[in-house]
Amino acid sequence: MKFFLMKRGCFPGISFAFLIFLSSISPVGAQNRIILHNAKIYTMADDASVNEAILVEGNRIIALGINEAILSMEDVNTDVFDLQGRTIFPGFIDPHTHLFGQAFGMGYDLDLIQQLALEVGVTSAAEMHVSEEQTEYYRQYAQSDNMRFRLYLYLNFNDSCGNVWGSWYEKYPPNVDIGPRLRVNGVKIFSEKSLCGANGAEPVFSNKLLKFFTPLGLAQWGNTQLLFSFDELKKIILQATDQGYQVAVHAIGDVGIETTLKAIESVLKSSQDKKTNRYRHMVMHNHFLTDDLLHKYARNNIIALIEPPTTCQANNYAEGVGERNMKYFKRVDDLVETGAHVAIDSDWPIVTQLLNPMNKLRAIVTGKAGTCPSDINLQRVSVFEGLKMMTSEAAYALHCEDHLGSLEIGKLADLVVLSQDPFEVVPDNIRDIQVLLTMVDGKIEFLRDNDGDSIPDILE
């Protein structure tokens, strides 16, 4: 069955036609095939190829190429969609969220949370604060076939207040699916205190930075302490590594980051894994990076996860750490230049604005996200680098690059169709780009219908 983008009023029998459309995109097993053509398909593969058409069969990508070649593969089981030049990317991956955890704690419906993610094109996410109770709850939810996107769990060794939960996580083997689209990926460790009751984060800074702090900053962060010594943190990471777990360590201040990097580096040396870091241990936040720390990521293949900075956040930090220290703030471009693996995330994204990949992309490309006027120069990256950080680099961070993160033959069919091309719009307008279609495992999980006329926008 062929579907074309039609002008309003030219689609006969709207309600009936929409029902036909819905039935046509429902998976019917391995024989179900979908062709999306007349598109601009950015594969985000290593060769940076761009294609015109893609063939999906079941949950896998079967072919990519020019329109004529892919259309010649159509058979009676193939649904064909003419996208009229619209843009396709791999499904976006958010490697650090608290989507389910925040919903769990506040009584939100997990179905609704997934819908919000799918509406902005997020097809995979990491849940970065998980208790045993939550693990079991999510497992039951997934085993009831409720998962519409992919969730990777990081089980807590300690919490943001510093309370140690211990090695309970060993009950759940790493890199094992505990339900459909639900996998235990690693262990979450706090090296510094974070949000704890009414108290804010407590990053730990070196004297090198403290001497330029404002009185306000010294009062707030002048005497903060690490949750673990170097030796303690190394022991914790080593235990997780010996059991095959990836570790994800919370670190904001330069002392927290330095201690974490050195602990990981020491573990890798002792395991003869210095150059490969095969479990891909990673550091989250990375707010204040001094020059001596910058090259440790690429040297040890340690992954950096960073939330795109905003002007308001930058102003708030400057009021405490002093403007001279802001040159160390979220050095995302400097990290990329060293060859490090860097991915961007949303962290605490219950508000769709924070979860939306187009908002993150605009923020990391312009350095102007936020409502606060600011004179602080925030580091930026290109549109291509920003998109990599939400696709192929994010997939690498979560150990799923063999199946996700790029559109290649044989990979899982997780993709999005966008209303505009991020490479062609004015950078500040990237935030206006909408997701028209989200596909997970070859199944269309979301179709946008802005005007409520029962015809998906992708057909208008």
Protein backbone atom coordinates (compact mmCIF):
# COMPACT_ATOMS: atom_id res chain seq x y z
CA MET A 1 0.00 0.00 0.00
CA LYS A 2 1.35 3.44 -0.94
CA PHE A 3 0.92 6.59 1.13
CA PHE A 4 1.59 10.08 -0.20
CA LEU A 5 1.69 13.47 1.46
CA MET A 6 -1.60 15.04 0.39
CA LYS A 7 -2.90 18.57 0.65
CA ARG A 8 -5.77 19.25 3.03
CA GLY A 9 -9.11 18.46 1.46
CA CYS A 10 -7.60 16.03 -1.05
CA PHE A 11 -7.83 12.97 1.21
CA PRO A 12 -11.21 11.31 0.60
CA GLY A 13 -13.07 9.75 3.50
CA ILE A 14 -10.84 11.06 6.29
CA SER A 15 -12.00 8.86 9.18
CA PHE A 16 -12.08 5.70 7.11
CA ALA A 17 -8.74 6.52 5.51
CA PHE A 18 -7.14 7.05 8.88
CA LEU A 19 -8.39 3.66 10.08
CA ILE A 20 -6.91 2.05 7.00
CA PHE A 21 -3.63 3.84 7.70
CA LEU A 22 -3.52 2.63 11.29
CA SER A 23 -4.21 -0.95 10.32
CA SER A 24 -1.55 -0.85 7.63
CA ILE A 25 1.24 0.10 10.02
CA SER A 26 0.46 -2.56 12.62
CA PRO A 27 3.21 -5.20 12.60
CA VAL A 28 2.13 -8.58 11.23
CA GLY A 29 5.29 -10.55 11.92
CA ALA A 30 8.42 -11.00 9.90
CA GLN A 31 6.64 -10.42 6.58
CA ASN A 32 5.66 -6.84 7.46
CA ARG A 33 7.74 -4.44 5.36
CA ILE A 34 7.88 -0.65 5.26
CA ILE A 35 9.59 1.58 2.72
CA LEU A 36 10.20 5.24 3.52
CA HIS A 37 11.40 7.03 0.40
CA ASN A 38 11.90 10.46 -1.13
CA ALA A 39 13.61 11.38 2.12
CA LYS A 40 16.94 12.67 3.32
CA ILE A 41 18.27 9.91 5.55
CA TYR A 42 21.23 10.77 7.76
CA THR A 43 22.53 7.38 8.83
CA MET A 44 25.01 8.77 11.45
CA ALA A 45 27.25 5.84 10.50
CA ASP A 46 31.02 6.15 10.38
CA ASP A 47 30.94 6.96 6.67
CA ALA A 48 28.46 9.84 7.28
CA SER A 49 26.37 8.59 4.36
CA VAL A 50 23.06 10.17 3.33
CA ASN A 51 20.42 8.08 1.55
CA GLU A 52 17.04 8.62 -0.10
CA ALA A 53 15.12 5.53 0.97
CA ILE A 54 15.08 2.80 3.58
CA LEU A 55 13.45 -0.65 3.73
CA VAL A 56 12.44 -2.11 7.09
CA GLU A 57 11.33 -5.71 7.47
CA GLY A 58 10.11 -6.85 10.86
CA ASN A 59 12.32 -5.01 13.34
CA ARG A 60 15.44 -4.73 11.17
CA ILE A 61 16.79 -2.43 8.49
CA ILE A 62 17.07 -4.48 5.30
CA ALA A 63 18.25 -1.93 2.75
CA LEU A 64 19.27 1.71 2.27
CA GLY A 65 19.94 3.54 -0.96
CA ILE A 66 18.51 5.65 -3.74
CA ASN A 67 14.75 5.78 -4.31
CA GLU A 68 14.69 3.63 -7.42
CA ALA A 69 16.74 0.82 -5.89
CA ILE A 70 14.70 0.57 -2.71
CA LEU A 71 11.32 0.95 -4.43
CA SER A 72 12.21 -1.97 -6.70
CA MET A 73 12.14 -4.18 -3.58
CA GLU A 74 8.46 -3.49 -2.92
CA ASP A 75 6.16 -6.50 -2.76
CA VAL A 76 2.53 -7.11 -1.75
CA ASN A 77 3.49 -7.04 1.95
CA THR A 78 5.20 -3.64 1.72
CA ASP A 79 3.74 -0.33 2.88
CA VAL A 80 5.32 2.57 1.02
CA PHE A 81 5.50 6.13 2.38
CA ASP A 82 6.53 9.12 0.28
CA LEU A 83 8.10 11.59 2.73
CA GLN A 84 8.41 14.45 0.22
CA GLY A 85 11.96 15.30 1.19
CA ARG A 86 11.60 15.12 4.94
CA THR A 87 14.49 14.10 7.16
CA ILE A 88 15.16 10.78 8.89
CA PHE A 89 17.60 10.15 11.74
CA PRO A 90 18.29 7.20 14.02
CA GLY A 91 16.08 7.19 17.09
CA PHE A 92 17.54 9.51 19.71
CA ILE A 93 19.22 7.98 22.77
CA ASP A 94 19.38 9.73 26.14
CA PRO A 95 22.17 8.11 28.21
CA HIS A 96 21.33 9.75 31.56
CA THR A 97 17.76 10.31 32.70
CA HIS A 98 15.53 9.81 35.72
CA LEU A 99 12.43 9.36 33.61
CA PHE A 100 10.96 6.30 35.27
CA GLY A 101 12.45 7.02 38.67
CA GLN A 102 10.91 10.46 38.92
CA ALA A 103 7.61 9.12 37.65
CA PHE A 104 7.82 6.22 40.14
CA GLY A 105 8.45 8.57 43.04
CA MET A 106 5.72 11.04 42.11
CA GLY A 107 3.05 8.56 41.12
CA TYR A 108 3.06 9.37 37.41
CA ASP A 109 1.80 6.85 34.87
CA LEU A 110 4.76 5.12 33.18
CA ASP A 111 2.66 4.82 30.00
CA LEU A 112 2.43 8.62 29.89
CA ILE A 113 6.15 9.03 30.50
CA GLN A 114 6.93 6.76 27.56
CA GLN A 115 4.50 8.66 25.37
CA LEU A 116 6.25 11.95 26.20
CA ALA A 117 9.59 10.41 25.24
CA LEU A 118 8.30 8.98 21.98
CA GLU A 119 6.70 12.29 21.01
CA VAL A 120 10.13 13.93 21.00
CA GLY A 121 11.86 11.01 19.29
CA VAL A 122 13.60 9.38 22.26
CA THR A 123 13.65 5.64 21.51
CA SER A 124 16.19 4.58 24.16
CA ALA A 125 17.16 5.98 27.55
CA ALA A 126 19.27 5.12 30.57
CA GLU A 127 17.62 5.19 33.99
CA MET A 128 20.40 6.39 36.29
CA HIS A 129 19.06 5.91 39.81
CA VAL A 130 17.47 2.51 40.46
CA SER A 131 16.71 0.69 43.70
CA GLU A 132 15.90 -3.00 44.08
CA GLU A 133 12.22 -2.16 44.56
CA GLN A 134 12.23 -0.14 41.35
CA THR A 135 14.09 -2.86 39.46
CA GLU A 136 11.39 -5.36 40.30
CA TYR A 137 8.60 -2.90 39.53
CA TYR A 138 10.09 -2.07 36.12
CA ARG A 139 10.67 -5.76 35.43
CA GLN A 140 7.00 -6.60 36.05
CA TYR A 141 5.92 -3.63 33.97
CA ALA A 142 8.11 -4.73 31.06
CA GLN A 143 7.12 -8.37 31.31
CA SER A 144 3.51 -7.27 30.87
CA ASP A 145 4.54 -6.00 27.40
CA ASN A 146 4.24 -2.34 28.39
CA MET A 147 7.63 -1.12 27.15
CA ARG A 148 7.32 0.94 23.99
CA PHE A 149 10.90 2.22 24.04
CA ARG A 150 14.18 0.81 25.38
CA LEU A 151 15.32 1.39 28.95
CA TYR A 152 18.78 0.64 30.35
CA LEU A 153 19.03 0.41 34.14
CA TYR A 154 21.93 1.57 36.33
CA LEU A 155 21.57 0.12 39.81
CA ASN A 156 22.74 2.25 42.74
CA PHE A 157 25.73 1.43 44.92
CA ASN A 158 24.95 4.50 47.03
CA ASP A 159 22.45 7.33 46.91
CA SER A 160 22.73 11.08 46.48
CA CYS A 161 22.87 11.63 50.26
CA GLY A 162 25.82 9.27 50.56
CA ASN A 163 23.99 6.27 52.02
CA VAL A 164 25.68 3.07 50.85
CA TRP A 165 23.35 0.40 49.45
CA GLY A 166 26.17 -2.01 48.75
CA SER A 167 26.51 -4.80 46.21
CA TRP A 168 22.83 -5.77 46.04
CA TYR A 169 23.07 -5.10 42.32
CA GLU A 170 24.90 -8.41 41.86
CA LYS A 171 21.50 -10.14 42.00
CA TYR A 172 20.99 -8.79 38.47
CA PRO A 173 23.71 -9.85 35.99
CA PRO A 174 25.02 -7.09 33.70
CA ASN A 175 24.03 -6.77 30.05
CA VAL A 176 21.04 -9.06 30.51
CA ASP A 177 17.48 -8.25 29.49
CA ILE A 178 15.16 -8.66 32.48
CA GLY A 179 12.12 -7.92 30.34
CA PRO A 180 11.27 -6.86 26.80
CA ARG A 181 13.27 -3.69 26.01
CA LEU A 182 14.54 -3.55 29.61
CA ARG A 183 18.18 -4.26 30.40
CA VAL A 184 20.49 -4.00 33.41
CA ASN A 185 23.51 -2.11 32.10
CA GLY A 186 25.62 -1.03 35.04
CA VAL A 187 26.11 0.51 38.47
CA LYS A 188 25.53 4.13 39.54
CA ILE A 189 28.00 5.63 42.05
CA PHE A 190 27.98 9.08 43.65
CA SER A 191 31.49 10.41 44.32
CA GLU A 192 30.01 13.64 45.75
CA LYS A 193 26.73 14.42 47.46
CA SER A 194 23.97 15.48 45.13
CA LEU A 195 20.38 16.51 45.81
CA CYS A 196 19.52 15.33 49.31
CA GLY A 197 16.25 16.44 50.82
CA ALA A 198 16.23 20.23 50.84
CA ASN A 199 19.98 20.40 50.25
CA GLY A 200 21.50 21.02 46.85
CA ALA A 201 24.46 19.31 45.23
CA GLU A 202 27.80 19.46 47.04
CA PRO A 203 30.56 19.39 44.42
CA VAL A 204 34.13 19.29 45.71
CA PHE A 205 36.68 21.77 44.37
CA SER A 206 40.47 22.10 44.54
CA ASN A 207 42.32 25.03 46.10
CA LYS A 208 43.27 26.02 42.57
CA LEU A 209 39.64 26.91 41.93
CA LEU A 210 38.61 27.85 45.47
CA LYS A 211 40.95 30.83 45.56
CA PHE A 212 38.78 32.54 42.93
CA PHE A 213 35.42 31.68 44.57
CA THR A 214 33.09 34.42 45.68
CA PRO A 215 32.15 34.69 49.39
CA LEU A 216 28.79 33.15 48.46
CA GLY A 217 30.52 30.21 46.75
CA LEU A 218 32.92 29.64 49.65
CA ALA A 219 30.03 29.60 52.10
CA GLN A 220 28.21 27.04 49.96
CA TRP A 221 31.01 24.84 48.63
CA GLY A 222 34.19 25.85 50.44
CA ASN A 223 34.22 22.84 52.80
CA THR A 224 32.44 20.08 50.89
CA GLN A 225 33.88 16.57 51.11
CA LEU A 226 34.07 13.56 48.82
CA LEU A 227 31.89 10.60 49.71
CA PHE A 228 34.82 8.21 49.15
CA SER A 229 38.59 8.46 49.25
CA PHE A 230 40.55 7.46 46.16
CA ASP A 231 41.25 4.00 47.61
CA GLU A 232 37.61 3.47 48.60
CA LEU A 233 36.30 4.53 45.22
CA LYS A 234 38.84 2.36 43.43
CA LYS A 235 37.75 -0.66 45.48
CA ILE A 236 34.08 -0.04 44.66
CA ILE A 237 34.78 0.34 40.94
CA LEU A 238 37.05 -2.71 40.93
CA GLN A 239 34.37 -4.87 42.53
CA ALA A 240 31.83 -3.84 39.89
CA THR A 241 34.38 -4.29 37.10
CA ASP A 242 35.31 -7.79 38.28
CA GLN A 243 31.62 -8.73 38.00
CA GLY A 244 31.37 -7.28 34.48
CA TYR A 245 29.41 -4.10 35.25
CA GLN A 246 29.89 -0.72 33.65
CA VAL A 247 30.09 2.04 36.25
CA ALA A 248 28.61 5.51 35.87
CA VAL A 249 30.01 7.96 38.42
CA HIS A 250 28.45 11.28 39.42
CA ALA A 251 31.13 14.00 39.57
CA ILE A 252 30.71 17.78 39.23
CA GLY A 253 33.63 19.53 40.97
CA ASP A 254 37.19 19.20 39.70
CA VAL A 255 38.24 17.16 42.76
CA GLY A 256 35.30 14.78 42.33
CA ILE A 257 36.15 14.37 38.65
CA GLU A 258 39.88 13.95 39.27
CA THR A 259 39.36 11.32 41.96
CA THR A 260 36.92 9.44 39.74
CA LEU A 261 39.16 9.52 36.68
CA LYS A 262 42.20 8.38 38.66
CA ALA A 263 40.23 5.57 40.33
CA ILE A 264 38.96 4.30 36.97
CA GLU A 265 42.43 4.64 35.46
CA SER A 266 43.95 2.64 38.33
CA VAL A 267 41.34 -0.11 37.96
CA LEU A 268 41.98 -0.33 34.23
CA LYS A 269 45.74 -0.61 34.80
CA SER A 270 45.29 -3.41 37.32
CA SER A 271 43.00 -5.29 34.93
CA GLN A 272 45.28 -4.85 31.91
CA ASP A 273 42.41 -2.97 30.26
CA LYS A 274 43.93 0.49 30.20
CA LYS A 275 43.51 1.29 26.52
CA THR A 276 40.17 -0.33 25.79
CA ASN A 277 38.07 0.22 28.96
CA ARG A 278 35.93 -2.62 27.62
CA TYR A 279 33.17 -2.02 30.16
CA ARG A 280 33.13 1.66 29.16
CA HIS A 281 33.14 3.21 32.60
CA MET A 282 31.85 6.75 32.40
CA VAL A 283 31.72 10.01 34.30
CA MET A 284 28.49 12.00 34.50
CA HIS A 285 28.11 15.79 34.60
CA ASN A 286 31.79 16.80 34.23
CA HIS A 287 31.01 20.42 35.09
CA PHE A 288 34.50 21.70 35.96
CA LEU A 289 37.41 20.25 34.01
CA THR A 290 40.89 21.63 34.52
CA ASP A 291 43.50 21.22 31.77
CA ASP A 292 45.29 18.34 33.51
CA LEU A 293 42.07 16.28 33.49
CA LEU A 294 41.00 16.93 29.93
CA HIS A 295 43.09 14.26 28.21
CA LYS A 296 42.39 11.48 30.70
CA TYR A 297 39.09 10.61 28.99
CA ALA A 298 40.44 9.80 25.54
CA ARG A 299 43.65 8.29 26.98
CA ASN A 300 41.65 5.74 28.97
CA ASN A 301 38.57 5.55 26.73
CA ILE A 302 36.44 6.92 29.58
CA ILE A 303 33.10 8.27 28.42
CA ALA A 304 31.93 11.77 29.35
CA LEU A 305 28.21 12.43 29.76
CA ILE A 306 27.25 16.11 29.85
CA GLU A 307 23.98 18.02 30.04
CA PRO A 308 23.95 20.94 27.56
CA PRO A 309 24.63 24.14 29.50
CA THR A 310 22.12 26.97 29.83
CA THR A 311 22.75 30.63 30.45
CA CYS A 312 20.85 30.52 33.74
CA GLN A 313 22.90 27.58 34.99
CA ALA A 314 26.12 29.31 33.94
CA ASN A 315 25.14 32.52 35.74
CA ASN A 316 24.25 30.60 38.90
CA TYR A 317 27.60 28.82 38.96
CA ALA A 318 29.50 32.03 38.20
CA GLU A 319 27.94 33.67 41.25
CA GLY A 320 29.60 30.97 43.36
CA VAL A 321 32.77 29.79 41.63
CA GLY A 322 33.69 33.21 40.23
CA GLU A 323 33.90 34.19 36.60
CA ARG A 324 37.59 33.21 36.29
CA ASN A 325 36.68 29.58 36.92
CA MET A 326 33.99 29.52 34.27
CA LYS A 327 36.63 28.73 31.64
CA TYR A 328 36.55 25.20 33.09
CA PHE A 329 32.77 24.88 32.84
CA LYS A 330 31.32 22.11 30.63
CA ARG A 331 34.21 21.90 28.18
CA VAL A 332 32.31 19.83 25.68
CA ASP A 333 34.16 21.12 22.59
CA ASP A 334 37.56 20.69 24.24
CA LEU A 335 36.68 17.10 25.10
CA VAL A 336 35.65 16.38 21.52
CA GLU A 337 38.92 17.84 20.27
CA THR A 338 40.87 15.36 22.43
CA GLY A 339 39.08 12.46 20.72
CA ALA A 340 37.04 11.48 23.77
CA HIS A 341 33.66 9.78 23.54
CA VAL A 342 31.13 12.43 24.58
CA ALA A 343 27.35 12.10 24.77
CA ILE A 344 24.78 14.65 25.88
CA ASP A 345 21.88 13.86 28.17
CA SER A 346 18.94 15.49 29.92
CA ASP A 347 19.48 14.12 33.47
CA TRP A 348 16.23 15.21 35.18
CA PRO A 349 13.80 15.48 32.28
CA ILE A 350 10.26 15.05 33.56
CA VAL A 351 9.55 18.33 31.75
CA THR A 352 9.42 17.54 28.05
CA GLN A 353 11.43 20.67 27.25
CA LEU A 354 14.48 19.15 28.94
CA LEU A 355 13.98 15.74 27.34
CA ASN A 356 13.47 17.05 23.78
CA PRO A 357 16.59 16.27 21.68
CA MET A 358 15.99 19.33 19.51
CA ASN A 359 16.19 21.57 22.57
CA LYS A 360 19.40 19.85 23.64
CA LEU A 361 20.82 20.18 20.14
CA ARG A 362 19.99 23.88 19.94
CA ALA A 363 21.57 24.41 23.36
CA ILE A 364 24.84 22.64 22.55
CA VAL A 365 25.11 24.26 19.10
CA THR A 366 24.31 27.88 20.04
CA GLY A 367 25.43 28.13 23.66
CA LYS A 368 22.43 30.39 24.18
CA ALA A 369 19.84 28.14 25.75
CA GLY A 370 18.03 29.60 28.73
CA THR A 371 16.07 32.71 29.57
CA CYS A 372 18.85 34.54 31.45
CA PRO A 373 20.96 37.20 29.72
CA SER A 374 24.60 36.19 30.14
CA ASP A 375 28.07 37.35 29.09
CA ILE A 376 29.61 33.95 29.78
CA ASN A 377 30.90 32.19 26.68
CA LEU A 378 29.62 28.63 26.74
CA GLN A 379 31.39 25.97 24.70
CA ARG A 380 29.58 24.82 21.57
CA VAL A 381 29.87 22.08 18.99
CA SER A 382 28.71 21.67 15.39
CA VAL A 383 25.27 20.38 14.48
CA PHE A 384 26.86 17.14 13.30
CA GLU A 385 28.75 16.62 16.57
CA GLY A 386 25.63 17.43 18.57
CA LEU A 387 23.60 14.87 16.65
CA LYS A 388 26.33 12.26 17.10
CA MET A 389 26.17 12.84 20.85
CA MET A 390 22.49 11.83 20.82
CA THR A 391 22.82 8.89 18.40
CA SER A 392 26.05 6.99 17.72
CA GLU A 393 28.00 8.31 20.73
CA ALA A 394 25.07 7.76 23.08
CA ALA A 395 24.71 4.22 21.74
CA TYR A 396 28.42 3.63 22.37
CA ALA A 397 27.99 4.85 25.94
CA LEU A 398 25.21 2.31 26.55
CA HIS A 399 26.98 -0.64 24.83
CA CYS A 400 24.30 -0.85 22.14
CA GLU A 401 26.11 0.51 19.08
CA ASP A 402 26.03 -2.90 17.36
CA HIS A 403 22.24 -2.58 17.09
CA LEU A 404 21.36 1.10 17.56
CA GLY A 405 22.66 4.64 17.11
CA SER A 406 23.00 4.58 13.33
CA LEU A 407 20.88 3.47 10.40
CA GLU A 408 22.70 0.54 8.82
CA ILE A 409 21.70 -2.74 7.24
CA GLY A 410 21.04 -5.35 9.90
CA LYS A 411 20.54 -2.91 12.74
CA LEU A 412 17.31 -2.51 14.67
CA ALA A 413 14.78 -0.21 13.03
CA ASP A 414 14.62 2.62 15.57
CA LEU A 415 14.23 5.90 13.70
CA VAL A 416 12.53 9.29 13.63
CA VAL A 417 11.15 11.52 10.88
CA LEU A 418 11.64 15.24 11.50
CA SER A 419 9.66 18.19 10.18
CA GLN A 420 12.84 20.01 9.10
CA ASP A 421 16.52 19.30 8.53
CA PRO A 422 18.68 20.44 11.50
CA PHE A 423 21.56 21.06 9.10
CA GLU A 424 19.53 23.52 7.04
CA VAL A 425 17.67 25.66 9.58
CA VAL A 426 19.07 28.66 11.44
CA PRO A 427 20.66 27.15 14.60
CA ASP A 428 18.42 29.13 16.93
CA ASN A 429 15.37 27.61 15.17
CA ILE A 430 16.42 24.01 15.75
CA ARG A 431 14.16 23.99 18.80
CA ASP A 432 11.14 24.46 16.50
CA ILE A 433 11.77 21.17 14.68
CA GLN A 434 9.13 18.58 15.49
CA VAL A 435 9.16 14.80 15.39
CA LEU A 436 6.50 13.61 12.95
CA LEU A 437 7.05 9.87 13.34
CA THR A 438 8.86 7.67 15.84
CA MET A 439 9.60 4.03 15.04
CA VAL A 440 10.88 1.46 17.55
CA ASP A 441 11.69 -2.12 16.50
CA GLY A 442 10.10 -1.49 13.12
CA LYS A 443 6.81 -0.46 14.71
CA ILE A 444 5.50 3.09 14.39
CA GLU A 445 4.96 4.13 18.01
CA PHE A 446 4.10 7.79 17.45
CA LEU A 447 2.55 9.88 14.67
CA ARG A 448 2.06 13.61 15.12
CA ASP A 449 -1.34 15.14 14.35
CA ASN A 450 -1.02 18.81 15.31
CA ASP A 451 -4.35 19.95 13.89
CA GLY A 452 -6.37 17.04 15.29
CA ASP A 453 -7.99 16.19 11.95
CA SER A 454 -7.24 12.45 12.29
CA ILE A 455 -4.72 12.64 9.46
CA PRO A 456 -1.09 12.31 10.61
CA ASP A 457 0.99 15.35 9.73
CA ILE A 458 3.31 13.07 7.77
CA LEU A 459 0.48 12.47 5.27
CA GLU A 460 -0.39 16.15 4.82
